[in-house]
Amino acid sequence: MKPFSRPLSAIALATLFGAPAFAQSYPARPVRMVVPFAAGGAVDTVARALGQKLAETWKQPMLVDNRPGAGGNIAADHVAKAPGDGYTLLITTHGFAISPGLYRKLPFDAARDFAPVTQLTSSFVVLVTNPQIPAASAKELVALARSRPGTINYGSTGIGAPPHLLGELLKSMTGTDMLHVPYKGDAPLSQALLAGEVQLAFMPLAGVLPHIRSGRLRALGVSGKARSATLPEVPTLTEAGIPFEFTGWLGVFAPASSPRDTVIQIQRDIAQAVVAQDMRERWAAWGYEPVGSTPEQFAEKCRLDLATYAKVIRDAKIPLQD
């Protein structure tokens, strides 16, 4: 055998899984996935499903740690200050890129204190109403809101959270005046919609699909460029007469000091998990499309979104939060 020669399969495996030997021992104990929202919401649902897949790969439990509040900042701050060893991760929404433009001061730096691991998904949201509101379409909703300025209310998952910004954008695009009512997460907002405490909201499909199908909530439109395969009867908002498009994301972050090899391994394992057959069968019902981007690709997306959302907040004149 020639010096340094090895079977081709071994070389291919080394190229594909080329992290140093010490990284291959990760994880040696349970990994904690911090969720910035209450249990039962869309992000929590995804975190628990992803955790099951990663536990199968890692042979270690993935523990979901719900830390709701402050628009996701409580959870983000916890992860920013956690040891950079790969055992504390953050799963969060594009709201993470909103906070720096919304708050006067944050206890962390979104650009410097985190290592972007991967964009898990892209997604659309659904404009839903309580059926008691007399509007069977987006056009009828706009007409109703115009006829009753200041009396129609919409819910969100917090001031400056994506559902809030989308509600403000809807108001500005349609010339309507609606009252904003914030809640602490998808699950409390869903309950408020069902109880009639609020009349409409932009919601992830995962949390409201059963209620849409049961008739307890009414879907007026989806925010994507195309109709949802899960709800093909519901038009896009553009089709419904409102030229409104929005796609969001779920992503995973680690503390900035996390070893690069560990970050790469986590990304590879997550990217493999999100396209597994049993996960692929669930994404559409949740309103998500799997992505699994590289750390570099996700870092660039975060950089662009930080700038974009800061501009949206300024243009909407949303007061800076303490």
Protein backbone atom coordinates (compact mmCIF):
# COMPACT_ATOMS: atom_id res chain seq x y z
CA MET A 1 0.00 0.00 0.00
CA LYS A 2 1.30 3.44 -0.90
CA PRO A 3 2.06 5.93 1.91
CA PHE A 4 -1.04 7.80 3.15
CA SER A 5 -3.37 5.75 0.95
CA ARG A 6 -6.76 4.76 2.41
CA PRO A 7 -9.90 3.15 1.01
CA LEU A 8 -11.95 5.62 -1.00
CA SER A 9 -14.98 5.20 1.27
CA ALA A 10 -12.96 6.27 4.30
CA ILE A 11 -11.71 9.37 2.46
CA ALA A 12 -15.26 10.28 1.42
CA LEU A 13 -16.52 9.88 4.95
CA ALA A 14 -13.70 12.01 6.31
CA THR A 15 -14.56 14.72 3.78
CA LEU A 16 -18.27 14.61 4.53
CA PHE A 17 -17.95 14.43 8.29
CA GLY A 18 -14.60 16.12 8.57
CA ALA A 19 -14.83 17.55 12.10
CA PRO A 20 -11.98 16.74 14.48
CA ALA A 21 -12.30 13.69 16.68
CA PHE A 22 -13.08 15.72 19.82
CA ALA A 23 -16.17 17.24 18.18
CA GLN A 24 -17.48 13.80 17.26
CA SER A 25 -17.92 13.05 20.98
CA TYR A 26 -20.49 15.87 21.16
CA PRO A 27 -22.91 15.70 22.83
CA ALA A 28 -21.75 13.83 25.90
CA ARG A 29 -24.75 14.97 27.98
CA PRO A 30 -28.26 16.38 27.41
CA VAL A 31 -28.57 19.51 25.26
CA ARG A 32 -30.96 22.31 26.18
CA MET A 33 -33.01 24.07 23.51
CA VAL A 34 -34.31 27.39 24.86
CA VAL A 35 -37.68 28.49 23.42
CA PRO A 36 -38.69 32.16 23.84
CA PHE A 37 -42.41 31.38 23.93
CA ALA A 38 -44.89 29.50 26.08
CA ALA A 39 -45.40 25.75 25.77
CA GLY A 40 -47.99 24.74 23.20
CA GLY A 41 -47.19 27.40 20.61
CA ALA A 42 -45.81 26.92 17.11
CA VAL A 43 -42.12 27.33 18.00
CA ASP A 44 -42.48 25.02 20.98
CA THR A 45 -44.13 22.40 18.74
CA VAL A 46 -41.23 22.53 16.27
CA ALA A 47 -38.61 22.48 19.05
CA ARG A 48 -40.05 19.33 20.57
CA ALA A 49 -40.32 17.53 17.23
CA LEU A 50 -36.78 18.55 16.28
CA GLY A 51 -35.57 17.55 19.71
CA GLN A 52 -36.89 14.02 19.21
CA LYS A 53 -35.00 13.69 15.92
CA LEU A 54 -31.76 15.05 17.35
CA ALA A 55 -32.04 12.78 20.38
CA GLU A 56 -32.13 9.81 18.00
CA THR A 57 -28.95 11.02 16.30
CA TRP A 58 -27.08 12.18 19.37
CA LYS A 59 -28.18 9.42 21.75
CA GLN A 60 -28.71 12.19 24.28
CA PRO A 61 -31.94 13.94 25.33
CA MET A 62 -32.84 17.33 23.91
CA LEU A 63 -34.48 19.28 26.73
CA VAL A 64 -36.93 22.04 25.76
CA ASP A 65 -36.67 25.04 28.10
CA ASN A 66 -39.54 27.56 27.70
CA ARG A 67 -38.57 31.10 28.75
CA PRO A 68 -41.29 33.43 27.42
CA GLY A 69 -41.42 37.19 27.77
CA ALA A 70 -40.05 40.52 26.53
CA GLY A 71 -40.54 39.62 22.87
CA GLY A 72 -38.05 36.75 23.08
CA ASN A 73 -35.34 38.80 24.79
CA ILE A 74 -35.41 36.86 28.08
CA ALA A 75 -34.57 33.62 26.29
CA ALA A 76 -32.01 35.27 24.01
CA ASP A 77 -30.23 36.91 26.96
CA HIS A 78 -30.10 33.58 28.77
CA VAL A 79 -28.43 31.90 25.81
CA ALA A 80 -26.08 34.83 25.15
CA LYS A 81 -24.71 34.43 28.68
CA ALA A 82 -24.60 30.62 28.66
CA PRO A 83 -21.30 28.73 28.37
CA GLY A 84 -20.17 28.41 24.75
CA ASP A 85 -19.99 24.63 24.80
CA GLY A 86 -22.85 23.68 22.49
CA TYR A 87 -25.10 22.49 25.31
CA THR A 88 -27.38 25.55 25.35
CA LEU A 89 -29.05 26.55 22.08
CA LEU A 90 -31.71 29.08 21.14
CA ILE A 91 -34.52 28.33 18.70
CA THR A 92 -36.33 31.50 17.76
CA THR A 93 -38.16 33.40 15.05
CA HIS A 94 -37.22 36.33 12.84
CA GLY A 95 -38.39 38.39 15.81
CA PHE A 96 -34.81 37.99 16.99
CA ALA A 97 -33.79 40.38 14.18
CA ILE A 98 -36.52 42.85 15.19
CA SER A 99 -35.51 43.44 18.82
CA PRO A 100 -32.35 45.50 18.17
CA GLY A 101 -34.41 48.06 16.23
CA LEU A 102 -37.26 48.04 18.73
CA TYR A 103 -35.62 48.34 22.16
CA ARG A 104 -33.64 51.29 23.46
CA LYS A 105 -31.25 48.94 25.19
CA LEU A 106 -30.78 45.19 25.20
CA PRO A 107 -28.72 43.11 27.63
CA PHE A 108 -27.09 41.40 24.64
CA ASP A 109 -25.80 42.28 21.19
CA ALA A 110 -27.69 40.30 18.55
CA ALA A 111 -24.86 40.62 16.05
CA ARG A 112 -21.91 39.84 18.34
CA ASP A 113 -23.16 37.60 21.16
CA PHE A 114 -24.48 34.71 19.05
CA ALA A 115 -23.20 32.19 16.56
CA PRO A 116 -25.89 31.61 13.91
CA VAL A 117 -26.17 27.85 13.44
CA THR A 118 -28.86 27.36 10.80
CA GLN A 119 -32.08 28.72 9.39
CA LEU A 120 -34.43 25.85 10.08
CA THR A 121 -37.39 26.96 8.02
CA SER A 122 -39.10 29.63 6.00
CA SER A 123 -42.76 30.28 6.66
CA PHE A 124 -45.90 32.22 5.98
CA VAL A 125 -48.58 33.35 8.42
CA VAL A 126 -52.37 33.25 8.26
CA LEU A 127 -54.73 36.15 8.87
CA VAL A 128 -57.41 34.64 11.11
CA THR A 129 -60.49 36.08 12.78
CA ASN A 130 -62.95 35.01 15.41
CA PRO A 131 -66.07 33.87 13.46
CA GLN A 132 -68.20 36.32 15.44
CA ILE A 133 -66.71 39.21 13.47
CA PRO A 134 -68.98 39.88 10.46
CA ALA A 135 -66.34 39.55 7.74
CA ALA A 136 -66.02 36.47 5.54
CA SER A 137 -63.10 37.78 3.46
CA ALA A 138 -60.13 40.10 3.74
CA LYS A 139 -61.96 42.75 1.70
CA GLU A 140 -64.94 42.59 4.03
CA LEU A 141 -62.62 42.87 7.03
CA VAL A 142 -61.00 46.01 5.65
CA ALA A 143 -64.40 47.53 4.89
CA LEU A 144 -65.59 46.72 8.41
CA ALA A 145 -62.48 48.23 10.00
CA ARG A 146 -62.87 51.39 7.93
CA SER A 147 -66.49 51.72 9.02
CA ARG A 148 -65.60 51.26 12.69
CA PRO A 149 -62.32 53.12 13.27
CA GLY A 150 -60.64 52.26 16.54
CA THR A 151 -63.16 49.56 17.53
CA ILE A 152 -61.66 46.48 15.80
CA ASN A 153 -58.73 44.98 17.70
CA TYR A 154 -55.95 42.66 16.63
CA GLY A 155 -53.72 40.49 18.80
CA SER A 156 -50.01 39.84 18.72
CA THR A 157 -47.34 37.97 20.65
CA GLY A 158 -45.91 41.23 22.02
CA ILE A 159 -45.00 44.79 21.10
CA GLY A 160 -42.66 44.70 18.10
CA ALA A 161 -43.15 40.96 17.55
CA PRO A 162 -43.80 39.94 13.92
CA PRO A 163 -47.61 39.75 14.35
CA HIS A 164 -47.53 43.32 15.70
CA LEU A 165 -45.45 44.64 12.79
CA LEU A 166 -47.70 42.83 10.33
CA GLY A 167 -50.79 44.30 11.96
CA GLU A 168 -49.31 47.79 11.72
CA LEU A 169 -48.35 47.16 8.11
CA LEU A 170 -51.90 46.02 7.35
CA LYS A 171 -53.26 49.20 8.93
CA SER A 172 -50.95 51.43 6.91
CA MET A 173 -51.66 49.60 3.65
CA THR A 174 -55.44 49.68 4.06
CA GLY A 175 -55.91 53.04 5.80
CA THR A 176 -57.60 51.45 8.80
CA ASP A 177 -57.42 52.19 12.52
CA MET A 178 -57.31 49.06 14.69
CA LEU A 179 -56.34 48.57 18.33
CA HIS A 180 -53.29 46.44 19.16
CA VAL A 181 -53.55 43.94 22.06
CA PRO A 182 -50.30 42.11 22.94
CA TYR A 183 -50.04 38.62 24.51
CA LYS A 184 -47.14 36.47 25.70
CA GLY A 185 -46.87 33.86 22.99
CA ASP A 186 -48.82 31.98 20.33
CA ALA A 187 -50.81 29.81 22.73
CA PRO A 188 -52.23 32.70 24.85
CA LEU A 189 -53.01 34.62 21.67
CA SER A 190 -54.84 31.63 20.21
CA GLN A 191 -56.92 31.32 23.37
CA ALA A 192 -57.76 35.03 23.22
CA LEU A 193 -58.91 34.66 19.62
CA LEU A 194 -61.05 31.64 20.48
CA ALA A 195 -62.60 33.47 23.43
CA GLY A 196 -63.31 36.59 21.37
CA GLU A 197 -61.02 38.80 23.48
CA VAL A 198 -59.39 39.87 20.21
CA GLN A 199 -60.96 39.74 16.79
CA LEU A 200 -58.09 39.02 14.43
CA ALA A 201 -54.38 38.22 14.27
CA PHE A 202 -51.57 37.04 12.02
CA MET A 203 -50.69 33.55 13.26
CA PRO A 204 -48.40 30.66 12.27
CA LEU A 205 -50.42 27.89 10.69
CA ALA A 206 -49.23 25.26 13.17
CA GLY A 207 -51.00 26.80 16.13
CA VAL A 208 -54.34 27.56 14.48
CA LEU A 209 -54.88 24.85 11.85
CA PRO A 210 -57.07 22.64 14.10
CA HIS A 211 -59.21 25.65 15.00
CA ILE A 212 -59.56 26.67 11.34
CA ARG A 213 -60.65 23.16 10.40
CA SER A 214 -63.11 22.97 13.29
CA GLY A 215 -64.61 26.35 12.36
CA ARG A 216 -63.64 28.00 15.64
CA LEU A 217 -61.41 30.43 13.71
CA ARG A 218 -61.85 31.78 10.18
CA ALA A 219 -58.86 32.03 7.81
CA LEU A 220 -59.07 35.05 5.49
CA GLY A 221 -55.70 34.82 3.74
CA VAL A 222 -52.12 33.55 3.82
CA SER A 223 -49.10 35.82 3.56
CA GLY A 224 -47.04 33.78 1.11
CA LYS A 225 -46.67 34.19 -2.63
CA ALA A 226 -48.73 31.06 -3.24
CA ARG A 227 -51.59 29.30 -1.51
CA SER A 228 -50.81 26.74 1.16
CA ALA A 229 -51.01 23.10 0.11
CA THR A 230 -52.53 22.44 3.53
CA LEU A 231 -55.26 25.08 3.10
CA PRO A 232 -55.68 25.37 -0.69
CA GLU A 233 -59.13 26.91 -0.32
CA VAL A 234 -57.71 29.95 1.50
CA PRO A 235 -56.46 32.67 -0.90
CA THR A 236 -53.26 34.59 -0.55
CA LEU A 237 -53.77 38.08 0.81
CA THR A 238 -52.73 39.44 -2.59
CA GLU A 239 -55.48 37.38 -4.23
CA ALA A 240 -57.86 38.65 -1.58
CA GLY A 241 -57.21 42.23 -2.63
CA ILE A 242 -54.41 43.22 -0.23
CA PRO A 243 -50.95 43.29 -1.92
CA PHE A 244 -49.32 41.86 1.16
CA GLU A 245 -46.50 39.27 1.19
CA PHE A 246 -44.42 38.13 4.13
CA THR A 247 -42.17 35.14 4.81
CA GLY A 248 -40.52 34.53 8.14
CA TRP A 249 -38.04 32.05 9.56
CA LEU A 250 -37.15 29.85 12.47
CA GLY A 251 -33.48 29.61 13.31
CA VAL A 252 -31.05 28.13 15.79
CA PHE A 253 -28.31 30.09 17.55
CA ALA A 254 -25.51 29.19 19.95
CA PRO A 255 -23.48 31.48 22.21
CA ALA A 256 -20.81 33.34 20.22
CA SER A 257 -17.96 31.57 22.01
CA SER A 258 -19.13 28.11 20.91
CA PRO A 259 -16.42 26.06 19.14
CA ARG A 260 -16.70 26.37 15.39
CA ASP A 261 -16.48 22.60 14.90
CA THR A 262 -19.35 22.06 17.31
CA VAL A 263 -21.50 24.66 15.54
CA ILE A 264 -20.82 22.95 12.20
CA GLN A 265 -21.73 19.55 13.62
CA ILE A 266 -24.99 20.86 15.11
CA GLN A 267 -25.88 22.47 11.76
CA ARG A 268 -25.18 19.25 9.86
CA ASP A 269 -27.26 17.17 12.25
CA ILE A 270 -30.15 19.64 12.18
CA ALA A 271 -30.04 19.91 8.38
CA GLN A 272 -30.26 16.12 8.20
CA ALA A 273 -33.14 16.06 10.70
CA VAL A 274 -35.30 18.67 8.95
CA VAL A 275 -35.38 16.69 5.69
CA ALA A 276 -36.03 13.30 7.31
CA GLN A 277 -39.17 11.74 5.86
CA ASP A 278 -41.25 11.93 9.02
CA MET A 279 -40.34 15.61 9.47
CA ARG A 280 -41.01 16.45 5.82
CA GLU A 281 -44.51 15.10 6.24
CA ARG A 282 -45.15 17.54 9.10
CA TRP A 283 -43.68 20.83 7.84
CA ALA A 284 -46.52 21.66 5.46
CA ALA A 285 -49.17 21.17 8.16
CA TRP A 286 -47.20 23.52 10.40
CA GLY A 287 -46.93 26.16 7.69
CA TYR A 288 -43.17 25.83 7.27
CA GLU A 289 -40.74 24.80 4.55
CA PRO A 290 -37.46 23.16 5.67
CA VAL A 291 -34.23 25.03 4.92
CA GLY A 292 -31.24 23.85 6.98
CA SER A 293 -28.84 26.55 5.71
CA THR A 294 -25.14 26.74 6.60
CA PRO A 295 -23.93 28.96 9.45
CA GLU A 296 -22.49 31.39 6.87
CA GLN A 297 -25.74 31.62 4.93
CA PHE A 298 -27.77 32.16 8.07
CA ALA A 299 -25.38 34.79 9.39
CA GLU A 300 -25.79 36.79 6.16
CA LYS A 301 -29.59 36.54 6.34
CA CYS A 302 -29.55 37.75 9.94
CA ARG A 303 -27.34 40.70 8.98
CA LEU A 304 -29.75 41.77 6.24
CA ASP A 305 -32.85 41.28 8.40
CA LEU A 306 -31.43 43.35 11.24
CA ALA A 307 -31.16 46.30 8.85
CA THR A 308 -34.54 45.67 7.20
CA TYR A 309 -36.60 45.45 10.39
CA ALA A 310 -34.92 48.50 11.90
CA LYS A 311 -36.17 50.46 8.88
CA VAL A 312 -39.72 49.02 9.16
CA ILE A 313 -39.92 50.05 12.81
CA ARG A 314 -38.74 53.57 12.04
CA ASP A 315 -41.17 53.94 9.15
CA ALA A 316 -44.11 52.67 11.25
CA LYS A 317 -43.10 55.08 14.06
CA ILE A 318 -43.35 52.32 16.64
CA PRO A 319 -42.06 53.77 19.94
CA LEU A 320 -38.80 52.33 21.20
CA GLN A 321 -39.34 49.97 24.12
CA ASP A 322 -37.54 49.96 27.47
